[in-house]
Amino acid sequence: MDEMCDEEWSKRIFGVSTVKIDTSAFLVAGHSMGGATALMTGLKDKRVKAVLALDPWYFPIQDEIATEEAVYSKEDPPVLLIHSSTFHNKVGLLSDWEDN
């Protein structure tokens, strides 16, 4: 997110040095590992005002979940989680969690 505010980055990516981005209110979104990244970014960066996680892959943040570092409270941004019906089933990654 910080790079989006940088004039040189903006010029290289968008071809212009001035891009109007409201850096005080970001929505972060991601799928799979990006979904887990979005969830953690929503907790750690106060500029994030909303989180969208599509089929988040919880494995990379399982330690944070276990120690409750990845637990949202009322003060944190709202989260929309969208899971598919096939990813988190017996053949999916979380089948070990379901068996224990």
PDB file of N, CA and C in Angstrom:
ATOM      1  N   MET A   1       0.822  -1.184   0.000  1.00  0.00           N
ATOM      2  CA  MET A   1       0.000   0.000   0.000  1.00  0.00           C
ATOM      3  C   MET A   1       0.867   1.249   0.000  1.00  0.00           C
ATOM      4  N   ASP A   2       1.978   1.180   0.698  1.00  0.00           N
ATOM      5  CA  ASP A   2       2.842   2.351   0.738  1.00  0.00           C
ATOM      6  C   ASP A   2       3.391   2.693  -0.641  1.00  0.00           C
ATOM      7  N   GLU A   3       3.658   1.674  -1.459  1.00  0.00           N
ATOM      8  CA  GLU A   3       4.179   1.931  -2.803  1.00  0.00           C
ATOM      9  C   GLU A   3       3.192   2.716  -3.652  1.00  0.00           C
ATOM     10  N   MET A   4       1.909   2.489  -3.443  1.00  0.00           N
ATOM     11  CA  MET A   4       0.902   3.192  -4.227  1.00  0.00           C
ATOM     12  C   MET A   4       0.962   4.703  -4.007  1.00  0.00           C
ATOM     13  N   CYS A   5       1.518   5.131  -2.901  1.00  0.00           N
ATOM     14  CA  CYS A   5       1.635   6.552  -2.585  1.00  0.00           C
ATOM     15  C   CYS A   5       2.931   7.153  -3.121  1.00  0.00           C
ATOM     16  N   ASP A   6       3.827   6.319  -3.599  1.00  0.00           N
ATOM     17  CA  ASP A   6       5.132   6.769  -4.068  1.00  0.00           C
ATOM     18  C   ASP A   6       5.036   7.260  -5.512  1.00  0.00           C
ATOM     19  N   GLU A   7       5.517   8.472  -5.756  1.00  0.00           N
ATOM     20  CA  GLU A   7       5.404   9.093  -7.077  1.00  0.00           C
ATOM     21  C   GLU A   7       6.153   8.301  -8.153  1.00  0.00           C
ATOM     22  N   GLU A   8       7.351   7.810  -7.851  1.00  0.00           N
ATOM     23  CA  GLU A   8       8.135   7.049  -8.837  1.00  0.00           C
ATOM     24  C   GLU A   8       7.441   5.731  -9.194  1.00  0.00           C
ATOM     25  N   TRP A   9       6.919   5.039  -8.192  1.00  0.00           N
ATOM     26  CA  TRP A   9       6.199   3.780  -8.429  1.00  0.00           C
ATOM     27  C   TRP A   9       4.988   4.043  -9.305  1.00  0.00           C
ATOM     28  N   SER A  10       4.254   5.084  -8.963  1.00  0.00           N
ATOM     29  CA  SER A  10       3.056   5.443  -9.721  1.00  0.00           C
ATOM     30  C   SER A  10       3.393   5.740 -11.182  1.00  0.00           C
ATOM     31  N   LYS A  11       4.491   6.441 -11.386  1.00  0.00           N
ATOM     32  CA  LYS A  11       4.897   6.782 -12.757  1.00  0.00           C
ATOM     33  C   LYS A  11       5.287   5.523 -13.526  1.00  0.00           C
ATOM     34  N   ARG A  12       5.995   4.603 -12.878  1.00  0.00           N
ATOM     35  CA  ARG A  12       6.431   3.371 -13.533  1.00  0.00           C
ATOM     36  C   ARG A  12       5.246   2.452 -13.856  1.00  0.00           C
ATOM     37  N   ILE A  13       4.315   2.325 -12.957  1.00  0.00           N
ATOM     38  CA  ILE A  13       3.180   1.413 -13.130  1.00  0.00           C
ATOM     39  C   ILE A  13       2.078   2.014 -14.004  1.00  0.00           C
ATOM     40  N   PHE A  14       1.696   3.252 -13.713  1.00  0.00           N
ATOM     41  CA  PHE A  14       0.560   3.875 -14.389  1.00  0.00           C
ATOM     42  C   PHE A  14       0.954   4.842 -15.496  1.00  0.00           C
ATOM     43  N   GLY A  15       2.239   5.193 -15.570  1.00  0.00           N
ATOM     44  CA  GLY A  15       2.692   6.112 -16.589  1.00  0.00           C
ATOM     45  C   GLY A  15       2.475   7.577 -16.260  1.00  0.00           C
ATOM     46  N   VAL A  16       1.954   7.853 -15.078  1.00  0.00           N
ATOM     47  CA  VAL A  16       1.767   9.228 -14.619  1.00  0.00           C
ATOM     48  C   VAL A  16       2.283   9.331 -13.185  1.00  0.00           C
ATOM     49  N   SER A  17       2.696  10.515 -12.807  1.00  0.00           N
ATOM     50  CA  SER A  17       3.264  10.655 -11.458  1.00  0.00           C
ATOM     51  C   SER A  17       2.223  11.027 -10.414  1.00  0.00           C
ATOM     52  N   THR A  18       1.037  11.414 -10.848  1.00  0.00           N
ATOM     53  CA  THR A  18       0.006  11.764  -9.881  1.00  0.00           C
ATOM     54  C   THR A  18      -1.210  10.872 -10.080  1.00  0.00           C
ATOM     55  N   VAL A  19      -1.423  10.008  -9.135  1.00  0.00           N
ATOM     56  CA  VAL A  19      -2.601   9.144  -9.119  1.00  0.00           C
ATOM     57  C   VAL A  19      -3.362   9.478  -7.845  1.00  0.00           C
ATOM     58  N   LYS A  20      -4.640   9.718  -7.962  1.00  0.00           N
ATOM     59  CA  LYS A  20      -5.423  10.081  -6.785  1.00  0.00           C
ATOM     60  C   LYS A  20      -5.925   8.820  -6.097  1.00  0.00           C
ATOM     61  N   ILE A  21      -5.321   8.531  -4.970  1.00  0.00           N
ATOM     62  CA  ILE A  21      -5.684   7.365  -4.168  1.00  0.00           C
ATOM     63  C   ILE A  21      -5.908   7.839  -2.746  1.00  0.00           C
ATOM     64  N   ASP A  22      -7.033   7.462  -2.179  1.00  0.00           N
ATOM     65  CA  ASP A  22      -7.308   7.796  -0.785  1.00  0.00           C
ATOM     66  C   ASP A  22      -6.526   6.826   0.090  1.00  0.00           C
ATOM     67  N   THR A  23      -5.396   7.266   0.566  1.00  0.00           N
ATOM     68  CA  THR A  23      -4.516   6.379   1.341  1.00  0.00           C
ATOM     69  C   THR A  23      -4.954   6.230   2.794  1.00  0.00           C
ATOM     70  N   SER A  24      -6.034   6.880   3.165  1.00  0.00           N
ATOM     71  CA  SER A  24      -6.506   6.742   4.540  1.00  0.00           C
ATOM     72  C   SER A  24      -7.564   5.657   4.677  1.00  0.00           C
ATOM     73  N   ALA A  25      -8.024   5.106   3.554  1.00  0.00           N
ATOM     74  CA  ALA A  25      -9.105   4.121   3.614  1.00  0.00           C
ATOM     75  C   ALA A  25      -8.947   3.081   2.508  1.00  0.00           C
ATOM     76  N   PHE A  26      -8.254   2.013   2.807  1.00  0.00           N
ATOM     77  CA  PHE A  26      -8.055   0.926   1.849  1.00  0.00           C
ATOM     78  C   PHE A  26      -9.028  -0.214   2.109  1.00  0.00           C
ATOM     79  N   LEU A  27      -9.442  -0.886   1.058  1.00  0.00           N
ATOM     80  CA  LEU A  27     -10.088  -2.185   1.145  1.00  0.00           C
ATOM     81  C   LEU A  27      -9.053  -3.185   0.646  1.00  0.00           C
ATOM     82  N   VAL A  28      -8.790  -4.223   1.414  1.00  0.00           N
ATOM     83  CA  VAL A  28      -7.857  -5.246   0.953  1.00  0.00           C
ATOM     84  C   VAL A  28      -8.653  -6.495   0.622  1.00  0.00           C
ATOM     85  N   ALA A  29      -8.234  -7.172  -0.444  1.00  0.00           N
ATOM     86  CA  ALA A  29      -8.924  -8.373  -0.894  1.00  0.00           C
ATOM     87  C   ALA A  29      -7.889  -9.368  -1.369  1.00  0.00           C
ATOM     88  N   GLY A  30      -8.230 -10.639  -1.251  1.00  0.00           N
ATOM     89  CA  GLY A  30      -7.332 -11.659  -1.750  1.00  0.00           C
ATOM     90  C   GLY A  30      -8.010 -13.006  -1.820  1.00  0.00           C
ATOM     91  N   HIS A  31      -7.419 -13.878  -2.613  1.00  0.00           N
ATOM     92  CA  HIS A  31      -7.915 -15.239  -2.780  1.00  0.00           C
ATOM     93  C   HIS A  31      -6.839 -16.208  -2.314  1.00  0.00           C
ATOM     94  N   SER A  32      -7.240 -17.253  -1.603  1.00  0.00           N
ATOM     95  CA  SER A  32      -6.345 -18.298  -1.136  1.00  0.00           C
ATOM     96  C   SER A  32      -5.295 -17.702  -0.197  1.00  0.00           C
ATOM     97  N   MET A  33      -4.014 -17.811  -0.535  1.00  0.00           N
ATOM     98  CA  MET A  33      -2.995 -17.232   0.337  1.00  0.00           C
ATOM     99  C   MET A  33      -3.154 -15.712   0.426  1.00  0.00           C
ATOM    100  N   GLY A  34      -3.617 -15.106  -0.656  1.00  0.00           N
ATOM    101  CA  GLY A  34      -3.899 -13.671  -0.634  1.00  0.00           C
ATOM    102  C   GLY A  34      -5.041 -13.342   0.319  1.00  0.00           C
ATOM    103  N   GLY A  35      -5.976 -14.274   0.482  1.00  0.00           N
ATOM    104  CA  GLY A  35      -7.060 -14.087   1.441  1.00  0.00           C
ATOM    105  C   GLY A  35      -6.541 -14.068   2.871  1.00  0.00           C
ATOM    106  N   ALA A  36      -5.613 -14.965   3.177  1.00  0.00           N
ATOM    107  CA  ALA A  36      -4.983 -14.981   4.501  1.00  0.00           C
ATOM    108  C   ALA A  36      -4.180 -13.700   4.707  1.00  0.00           C
ATOM    109  N   THR A  37      -3.490 -13.264   3.655  1.00  0.00           N
ATOM    110  CA  THR A  37      -2.718 -12.022   3.727  1.00  0.00           C
ATOM    111  C   THR A  37      -3.643 -10.836   3.973  1.00  0.00           C
ATOM    112  N   ALA A  38      -4.783 -10.810   3.291  1.00  0.00           N
ATOM    113  CA  ALA A  38      -5.751  -9.729   3.486  1.00  0.00           C
ATOM    114  C   ALA A  38      -6.262  -9.721   4.925  1.00  0.00           C
ATOM    115  N   LEU A  39      -6.553 -10.897   5.478  1.00  0.00           N
ATOM    116  CA  LEU A  39      -7.033 -10.976   6.861  1.00  0.00           C
ATOM    117  C   LEU A  39      -6.009 -10.409   7.834  1.00  0.00           C
ATOM    118  N   MET A  40      -4.745 -10.783   7.671  1.00  0.00           N
ATOM    119  CA  MET A  40      -3.709 -10.299   8.581  1.00  0.00           C
ATOM    120  C   MET A  40      -3.430  -8.809   8.366  1.00  0.00           C
ATOM    121  N   THR A  41      -3.471  -8.355   7.125  1.00  0.00           N
ATOM    122  CA  THR A  41      -3.248  -6.932   6.846  1.00  0.00           C
ATOM    123  C   THR A  41      -4.340  -6.091   7.488  1.00  0.00           C
ATOM    124  N   GLY A  42      -5.572  -6.594   7.455  1.00  0.00           N
ATOM    125  CA  GLY A  42      -6.679  -5.879   8.087  1.00  0.00           C
ATOM    126  C   GLY A  42      -6.488  -5.691   9.580  1.00  0.00           C
ATOM    127  N   LEU A  43      -5.785  -6.611  10.217  1.00  0.00           N
ATOM    128  CA  LEU A  43      -5.520  -6.488  11.648  1.00  0.00           C
ATOM    129  C   LEU A  43      -4.336  -5.572  11.945  1.00  0.00           C
ATOM    130  N   LYS A  44      -3.367  -5.544  11.051  1.00  0.00           N
ATOM    131  CA  LYS A  44      -2.107  -4.862  11.350  1.00  0.00           C
ATOM    132  C   LYS A  44      -1.990  -3.437  10.809  1.00  0.00           C
ATOM    133  N   ASP A  45      -2.773  -3.086   9.790  1.00  0.00           N
ATOM    134  CA  ASP A  45      -2.656  -1.759   9.174  1.00  0.00           C
ATOM    135  C   ASP A  45      -3.960  -1.002   9.395  1.00  0.00           C
ATOM    136  N   LYS A  46      -3.897   0.058  10.161  1.00  0.00           N
ATOM    137  CA  LYS A  46      -5.099   0.812  10.532  1.00  0.00           C
ATOM    138  C   LYS A  46      -5.711   1.581   9.365  1.00  0.00           C
ATOM    139  N   ARG A  47      -5.013   1.678   8.233  1.00  0.00           N
ATOM    140  CA  ARG A  47      -5.596   2.330   7.056  1.00  0.00           C
ATOM    141  C   ARG A  47      -6.630   1.432   6.384  1.00  0.00           C
ATOM    142  N   VAL A  48      -6.605   0.140   6.677  1.00  0.00           N
ATOM    143  CA  VAL A  48      -7.551  -0.806   6.069  1.00  0.00           C
ATOM    144  C   VAL A  48      -8.914  -0.619   6.725  1.00  0.00           C
ATOM    145  N   LYS A  49      -9.912  -0.368   5.898  1.00  0.00           N
ATOM    146  CA  LYS A  49     -11.271  -0.118   6.394  1.00  0.00           C
ATOM    147  C   LYS A  49     -12.227  -1.272   6.113  1.00  0.00           C
ATOM    148  N   ALA A  50     -11.817  -2.241   5.280  1.00  0.00           N
ATOM    149  CA  ALA A  50     -12.649  -3.410   4.998  1.00  0.00           C
ATOM    150  C   ALA A  50     -11.761  -4.504   4.405  1.00  0.00           C
ATOM    151  N   VAL A  51     -12.180  -5.757   4.614  1.00  0.00           N
ATOM    152  CA  VAL A  51     -11.416  -6.917   4.133  1.00  0.00           C
ATOM    153  C   VAL A  51     -12.362  -7.850   3.392  1.00  0.00           C
ATOM    154  N   LEU A  52     -11.925  -8.331   2.228  1.00  0.00           N
ATOM    155  CA  LEU A  52     -12.634  -9.345   1.462  1.00  0.00           C
ATOM    156  C   LEU A  52     -11.679 -10.520   1.276  1.00  0.00           C
ATOM    157  N   ALA A  53     -12.035 -11.673   1.816  1.00  0.00           N
ATOM    158  CA  ALA A  53     -11.187 -12.860   1.708  1.00  0.00           C
ATOM    159  C   ALA A  53     -11.964 -13.956   0.986  1.00  0.00           C
ATOM    160  N   LEU A  54     -11.462 -14.363  -0.177  1.00  0.00           N
ATOM    161  CA  LEU A  54     -12.088 -15.400  -0.988  1.00  0.00           C
ATOM    162  C   LEU A  54     -11.332 -16.712  -0.781  1.00  0.00           C
ATOM    163  N   ASP A  55     -11.994 -17.708  -0.233  1.00  0.00           N
ATOM    164  CA  ASP A  55     -11.366 -18.994   0.046  1.00  0.00           C
ATOM    165  C   ASP A  55      -9.995 -18.825   0.702  1.00  0.00           C
ATOM    166  N   PRO A  56      -9.930 -18.104   1.828  1.00  0.00           N
ATOM    167  CA  PRO A  56      -8.607 -17.897   2.424  1.00  0.00           C
ATOM    168  C   PRO A  56      -7.967 -19.216   2.831  1.00  0.00           C
ATOM    169  N   TRP A  57      -6.683 -19.322   2.563  1.00  0.00           N
ATOM    170  CA  TRP A  57      -5.897 -20.500   2.933  1.00  0.00           C
ATOM    171  C   TRP A  57      -5.340 -20.227   4.316  1.00  0.00           C
ATOM    172  N   TYR A  58      -5.901 -20.866   5.330  1.00  0.00           N
ATOM    173  CA  TYR A  58      -5.563 -20.577   6.714  1.00  0.00           C
ATOM    174  C   TYR A  58      -4.221 -21.157   7.153  1.00  0.00           C
ATOM    175  N   PHE A  59      -3.706 -22.120   6.411  1.00  0.00           N
ATOM    176  CA  PHE A  59      -2.468 -22.781   6.827  1.00  0.00           C
ATOM    177  C   PHE A  59      -1.333 -21.797   7.123  1.00  0.00           C
ATOM    178  N   PRO A  60      -1.078 -20.777   6.272  1.00  0.00           N
ATOM    179  CA  PRO A  60       0.036 -19.870   6.565  1.00  0.00           C
ATOM    180  C   PRO A  60      -0.146 -19.050   7.845  1.00  0.00           C
ATOM    181  N   ILE A  61      -1.390 -18.913   8.329  1.00  0.00           N
ATOM    182  CA  ILE A  61      -1.614 -18.112   9.537  1.00  0.00           C
ATOM    183  C   ILE A  61      -2.145 -18.965  10.690  1.00  0.00           C
ATOM    184  N   GLN A  62      -1.892 -20.271  10.637  1.00  0.00           N
ATOM    185  CA  GLN A  62      -2.430 -21.144  11.685  1.00  0.00           C
ATOM    186  C   GLN A  62      -1.855 -20.825  13.063  1.00  0.00           C
ATOM    187  N   ASP A  63      -0.591 -20.404  13.140  1.00  0.00           N
ATOM    188  CA  ASP A  63      -0.017 -20.040  14.439  1.00  0.00           C
ATOM    189  C   ASP A  63      -0.702 -18.798  15.007  1.00  0.00           C
ATOM    190  N   GLU A  64      -0.985 -17.819  14.148  1.00  0.00           N
ATOM    191  CA  GLU A  64      -1.670 -16.615  14.591  1.00  0.00           C
ATOM    192  C   GLU A  64      -3.094 -16.925  15.041  1.00  0.00           C
ATOM    193  N   ILE A  65      -3.736 -17.872  14.364  1.00  0.00           N
ATOM    194  CA  ILE A  65      -5.088 -18.285  14.760  1.00  0.00           C
ATOM    195  C   ILE A  65      -5.032 -18.977  16.121  1.00  0.00           C
ATOM    196  N   ALA A  66      -4.065 -19.857  16.300  1.00  0.00           N
ATOM    197  CA  ALA A  66      -3.939 -20.611  17.552  1.00  0.00           C
ATOM    198  C   ALA A  66      -3.650 -19.695  18.741  1.00  0.00           C
ATOM    199  N   THR A  67      -2.871 -18.642  18.514  1.00  0.00           N
ATOM    200  CA  THR A  67      -2.534 -17.724  19.611  1.00  0.00           C
ATOM    201  C   THR A  67      -3.471 -16.522  19.665  1.00  0.00           C
ATOM    202  N   GLU A  68      -4.512 -16.560  18.854  1.00  0.00           N
ATOM    203  CA  GLU A  68      -5.536 -15.519  18.792  1.00  0.00           C
ATOM    204  C   GLU A  68      -5.008 -14.174  18.315  1.00  0.00           C
ATOM    205  N   GLU A  69      -3.862 -14.155  17.635  1.00  0.00           N
ATOM    206  CA  GLU A  69      -3.365 -12.928  17.012  1.00  0.00           C
ATOM    207  C   GLU A  69      -4.203 -12.584  15.785  1.00  0.00           C
ATOM    208  N   ALA A  70      -4.909 -13.569  15.234  1.00  0.00           N
ATOM    209  CA  ALA A  70      -5.707 -13.359  14.029  1.00  0.00           C
ATOM    210  C   ALA A  70      -7.196 -13.312  14.353  1.00  0.00           C
ATOM    211  N   VAL A  71      -7.540 -12.792  15.515  1.00  0.00           N
ATOM    212  CA  VAL A  71      -8.941 -12.700  15.921  1.00  0.00           C
ATOM    213  C   VAL A  71      -9.391 -11.249  15.807  1.00  0.00           C
ATOM    214  N   TYR A  72     -10.459 -11.037  15.089  1.00  0.00           N
ATOM    215  CA  TYR A  72     -11.007  -9.695  14.893  1.00  0.00           C
ATOM    216  C   TYR A  72     -11.914  -9.317  16.058  1.00  0.00           C
ATOM    217  N   SER A  73     -11.923  -8.018  16.366  1.00  0.00           N
ATOM    218  CA  SER A  73     -12.818  -7.493  17.395  1.00  0.00           C
ATOM    219  C   SER A  73     -13.695  -6.408  16.752  1.00  0.00           C
ATOM    220  N   LYS A  74     -14.553  -5.801  17.525  1.00  0.00           N
ATOM    221  CA  LYS A  74     -15.441  -4.759  17.003  1.00  0.00           C
ATOM    222  C   LYS A  74     -14.677  -3.536  16.510  1.00  0.00           C
ATOM    223  N   GLU A  75     -13.472  -3.335  17.018  1.00  0.00           N
ATOM    224  CA  GLU A  75     -12.671  -2.179  16.612  1.00  0.00           C
ATOM    225  C   GLU A  75     -11.973  -2.400  15.272  1.00  0.00           C
ATOM    226  N   ASP A  76     -11.902  -3.634  14.810  1.00  0.00           N
ATOM    227  CA  ASP A  76     -11.217  -3.960  13.561  1.00  0.00           C
ATOM    228  C   ASP A  76     -12.165  -3.774  12.379  1.00  0.00           C
ATOM    229  N   PRO A  77     -11.613  -3.707  11.152  1.00  0.00           N
ATOM    230  CA  PRO A  77     -12.481  -3.484   9.985  1.00  0.00           C
ATOM    231  C   PRO A  77     -13.422  -4.658   9.736  1.00  0.00           C
ATOM    232  N   PRO A  78     -14.554  -4.390   9.087  1.00  0.00           N
ATOM    233  CA  PRO A  78     -15.463  -5.491   8.750  1.00  0.00           C
ATOM    234  C   PRO A  78     -14.816  -6.440   7.742  1.00  0.00           C
ATOM    235  N   VAL A  79     -15.202  -7.709   7.839  1.00  0.00           N
ATOM    236  CA  VAL A  79     -14.627  -8.754   6.992  1.00  0.00           C
ATOM    237  C   VAL A  79     -15.752  -9.499   6.293  1.00  0.00           C
ATOM    238  N   LEU A  80     -15.570  -9.723   4.994  1.00  0.00           N
ATOM    239  CA  LEU A  80     -16.464 -10.594   4.241  1.00  0.00           C
ATOM    240  C   LEU A  80     -15.650 -11.804   3.822  1.00  0.00           C
ATOM    241  N   LEU A  81     -16.013 -12.973   4.339  1.00  0.00           N
ATOM    242  CA  LEU A  81     -15.364 -14.240   3.977  1.00  0.00           C
ATOM    243  C   LEU A  81     -16.273 -14.988   3.019  1.00  0.00           C
ATOM    244  N   ILE A  82     -15.723 -15.403   1.898  1.00  0.00           N
ATOM    245  CA  ILE A  82     -16.482 -16.203   0.941  1.00  0.00           C
ATOM    246  C   ILE A  82     -15.714 -17.499   0.721  1.00  0.00           C
ATOM    247  N   HIS A  83     -16.356 -18.608   1.089  1.00  0.00           N
ATOM    248  CA  HIS A  83     -15.745 -19.932   0.938  1.00  0.00           C
ATOM    249  C   HIS A  83     -16.484 -20.718  -0.135  1.00  0.00           C
ATOM    250  N   SER A  84     -15.737 -21.508  -0.888  1.00  0.00           N
ATOM    251  CA  SER A  84     -16.392 -22.412  -1.835  1.00  0.00           C
ATOM    252  C   SER A  84     -16.801 -23.666  -1.079  1.00  0.00           C
ATOM    253  N   SER A  85     -17.700 -24.420  -1.641  1.00  0.00           N
ATOM    254  CA  SER A  85     -18.174 -25.627  -0.964  1.00  0.00           C
ATOM    255  C   SER A  85     -17.221 -26.801  -1.138  1.00  0.00           C
ATOM    256  N   THR A  86     -16.223 -26.674  -1.998  1.00  0.00           N
ATOM    257  CA  THR A  86     -15.351 -27.822  -2.251  1.00  0.00           C
ATOM    258  C   THR A  86     -13.952 -27.696  -1.673  1.00  0.00           C
ATOM    259  N   PHE A  87     -13.470 -26.490  -1.405  1.00  0.00           N
ATOM    260  CA  PHE A  87     -12.090 -26.339  -0.948  1.00  0.00           C
ATOM    261  C   PHE A  87     -11.889 -26.881   0.459  1.00  0.00           C
ATOM    262  N   HIS A  88     -12.813 -26.602   1.377  1.00  0.00           N
ATOM    263  CA  HIS A  88     -12.655 -26.991   2.772  1.00  0.00           C
ATOM    264  C   HIS A  88     -13.457 -28.252   3.104  1.00  0.00           C
ATOM    265  N   ASN A  89     -13.254 -29.281   2.301  1.00  0.00           N
ATOM    266  CA  ASN A  89     -13.952 -30.529   2.587  1.00  0.00           C
ATOM    267  C   ASN A  89     -12.935 -31.619   2.906  1.00  0.00           C
ATOM    268  N   LYS A  90     -13.343 -32.885   2.920  1.00  0.00           N
ATOM    269  CA  LYS A  90     -12.466 -33.988   3.316  1.00  0.00           C
ATOM    270  C   LYS A  90     -11.232 -34.117   2.440  1.00  0.00           C
ATOM    271  N   VAL A  91     -11.298 -33.709   1.200  1.00  0.00           N
ATOM    272  CA  VAL A  91     -10.114 -33.780   0.347  1.00  0.00           C
ATOM    273  C   VAL A  91      -9.358 -32.459   0.327  1.00  0.00           C
ATOM    274  N   GLY A  92      -9.907 -31.456   1.024  1.00  0.00           N
ATOM    275  CA  GLY A  92      -9.275 -30.140   1.062  1.00  0.00           C
ATOM    276  C   GLY A  92      -8.182 -30.069   2.114  1.00  0.00           C
ATOM    277  N   LEU A  93      -7.544 -28.937   2.188  1.00  0.00           N
ATOM    278  CA  LEU A  93      -6.412 -28.723   3.074  1.00  0.00           C
ATOM    279  C   LEU A  93      -6.789 -28.863   4.541  1.00  0.00           C
ATOM    280  N   LEU A  94      -7.996 -28.505   4.926  1.00  0.00           N
ATOM    281  CA  LEU A  94      -8.355 -28.490   6.321  1.00  0.00           C
ATOM    282  C   LEU A  94      -8.903 -29.817   6.826  1.00  0.00           C
ATOM    283  N   SER A  95      -8.780 -30.878   6.059  1.00  0.00           N
ATOM    284  CA  SER A  95      -9.332 -32.156   6.494  1.00  0.00           C
ATOM    285  C   SER A  95      -8.663 -32.631   7.783  1.00  0.00           C
ATOM    286  N   ASP A  96      -7.390 -32.316   8.003  1.00  0.00           N
ATOM    287  CA  ASP A  96      -6.735 -32.689   9.253  1.00  0.00           C
ATOM    288  C   ASP A  96      -7.373 -32.006  10.440  1.00  0.00           C
ATOM    289  N   TRP A  97      -7.770 -30.728  10.270  1.00  0.00           N
ATOM    290  CA  TRP A  97      -8.411 -30.016  11.358  1.00  0.00           C
ATOM    291  C   TRP A  97      -9.772 -30.608  11.682  1.00  0.00           C
ATOM    292  N   GLU A  98     -10.504 -31.044  10.645  1.00  0.00           N
ATOM    293  CA  GLU A  98     -11.824 -31.612  10.860  1.00  0.00           C
ATOM    294  C   GLU A  98     -11.746 -32.948  11.583  1.00  0.00           C
ATOM    295  N   ASP A  99     -10.671 -33.702  11.360  1.00  0.00           N
ATOM    296  CA  ASP A  99     -10.542 -35.016  11.990  1.00  0.00           C
ATOM    297  C   ASP A  99     -10.118 -34.939  13.442  1.00  0.00           C
ATOM    298  N   ASN A 100      -9.577 -33.813  13.875  1.00  0.00           N
ATOM    299  CA  ASN A 100      -9.088 -33.682  15.269  1.00  0.00           C
ATOM    300  C   ASN A 100     -10.080 -32.978  16.150  1.00  0.00           C
TER     301      ASN A 100
END
